[in-house]
């Protein structure tokens, strides 16, 4: 199955939203750490994604 960029961004936003809701209900880490981890994971995903040239 080939995912379009819009569909991938939509799935990523749903996952991010679920992570934020989970962190609100179960305060696992503080918000600074949570945002840092999300940014780091986003950067790692973009680093390893295939890009069209």
C-alpha atoms as a PDB file:
ATOM      1  CA  UNK A   1       0.000   0.000   0.000  1.00  0.00           C
ATOM      2  CA  UNK A   2       1.408   3.351  -1.024  1.00  0.00           C
ATOM      3  CA  UNK A   3       0.745   6.226   1.384  1.00  0.00           C
ATOM      4  CA  UNK A   4       0.438   9.722   0.023  1.00  0.00           C
ATOM      5  CA  UNK A   5       2.145  12.561   1.874  1.00  0.00           C
ATOM      6  CA  UNK A   6      -1.207  13.970   3.051  1.00  0.00           C
ATOM      7  CA  UNK A   7      -2.311  10.608   4.419  1.00  0.00           C
ATOM      8  CA  UNK A   8       1.043  10.160   6.197  1.00  0.00           C
ATOM      9  CA  UNK A   9       0.773  13.609   7.790  1.00  0.00           C
ATOM     10  CA  UNK A  10      -2.778  12.834   8.895  1.00  0.00           C
ATOM     11  CA  UNK A  11      -1.687   9.589  10.547  1.00  0.00           C
ATOM     12  CA  UNK A  12       1.245  11.377  12.201  1.00  0.00           C
ATOM     13  CA  UNK A  13      -1.089  14.060  13.591  1.00  0.00           C
ATOM     14  CA  UNK A  14      -3.440  11.413  15.013  1.00  0.00           C
ATOM     15  CA  UNK A  15      -0.534   9.631  16.717  1.00  0.00           C
ATOM     16  CA  UNK A  16       0.810  12.923  18.082  1.00  0.00           C
ATOM     17  CA  UNK A  17      -2.629  13.836  19.388  1.00  0.00           C
ATOM     18  CA  UNK A  18      -2.961  10.482  21.139  1.00  0.00           C
ATOM     19  CA  UNK A  19       0.475  10.945  22.712  1.00  0.00           C
ATOM     20  CA  UNK A  20      -0.491  14.400  23.999  1.00  0.00           C
ATOM     21  CA  UNK A  21      -3.776  13.104  25.439  1.00  0.00           C
ATOM     22  CA  UNK A  22      -1.934  10.190  27.043  1.00  0.00           C
ATOM     23  CA  UNK A  23       0.620  12.533  28.607  1.00  0.00           C
ATOM     24  CA  UNK A  24      -2.167  14.714  30.011  1.00  0.00           C
ATOM     25  CA  UNK A  25      -3.956  11.803  31.684  1.00  0.00           C
ATOM     26  CA  UNK A  26      -0.880   9.850  32.764  1.00  0.00           C
ATOM     27  CA  UNK A  27       1.792  12.461  33.545  1.00  0.00           C
ATOM     28  CA  UNK A  28       4.693  10.185  32.550  1.00  0.00           C
ATOM     29  CA  UNK A  29       7.204  12.945  31.782  1.00  0.00           C
ATOM     30  CA  UNK A  30       7.182  16.720  32.090  1.00  0.00           C
ATOM     31  CA  UNK A  31       6.176  18.788  29.053  1.00  0.00           C
ATOM     32  CA  UNK A  32       9.694  19.947  28.194  1.00  0.00           C
ATOM     33  CA  UNK A  33      10.934  16.369  27.931  1.00  0.00           C
ATOM     34  CA  UNK A  34       7.825  15.309  26.017  1.00  0.00           C
ATOM     35  CA  UNK A  35       8.229  18.056  23.405  1.00  0.00           C
ATOM     36  CA  UNK A  36      11.956  17.335  23.086  1.00  0.00           C
ATOM     37  CA  UNK A  37      11.332  13.641  22.454  1.00  0.00           C
ATOM     38  CA  UNK A  38       8.630  14.402  19.876  1.00  0.00           C
ATOM     39  CA  UNK A  39      10.943  16.806  18.024  1.00  0.00           C
ATOM     40  CA  UNK A  40      13.812  14.301  18.115  1.00  0.00           C
ATOM     41  CA  UNK A  41      11.604  11.480  16.803  1.00  0.00           C
ATOM     42  CA  UNK A  42      10.258  13.722  14.047  1.00  0.00           C
ATOM     43  CA  UNK A  43      13.790  14.624  13.005  1.00  0.00           C
ATOM     44  CA  UNK A  44      14.845  10.960  12.999  1.00  0.00           C
ATOM     45  CA  UNK A  45      11.814  10.010  10.881  1.00  0.00           C
ATOM     46  CA  UNK A  46      12.596  12.718   8.336  1.00  0.00           C
ATOM     47  CA  UNK A  47      16.248  11.677   8.264  1.00  0.00           C
ATOM     48  CA  UNK A  48      15.426   8.071   7.370  1.00  0.00           C
ATOM     49  CA  UNK A  49      12.445   8.688   5.040  1.00  0.00           C
ATOM     50  CA  UNK A  50      13.020   8.225   1.341  1.00  0.00           C
ATOM     51  CA  UNK A  51      12.740  11.437  -0.652  1.00  0.00           C
ATOM     52  CA  UNK A  52      11.959  11.770  -4.334  1.00  0.00           C
ATOM     53  CA  UNK A  53      14.677  13.495  -6.295  1.00  0.00           C
END
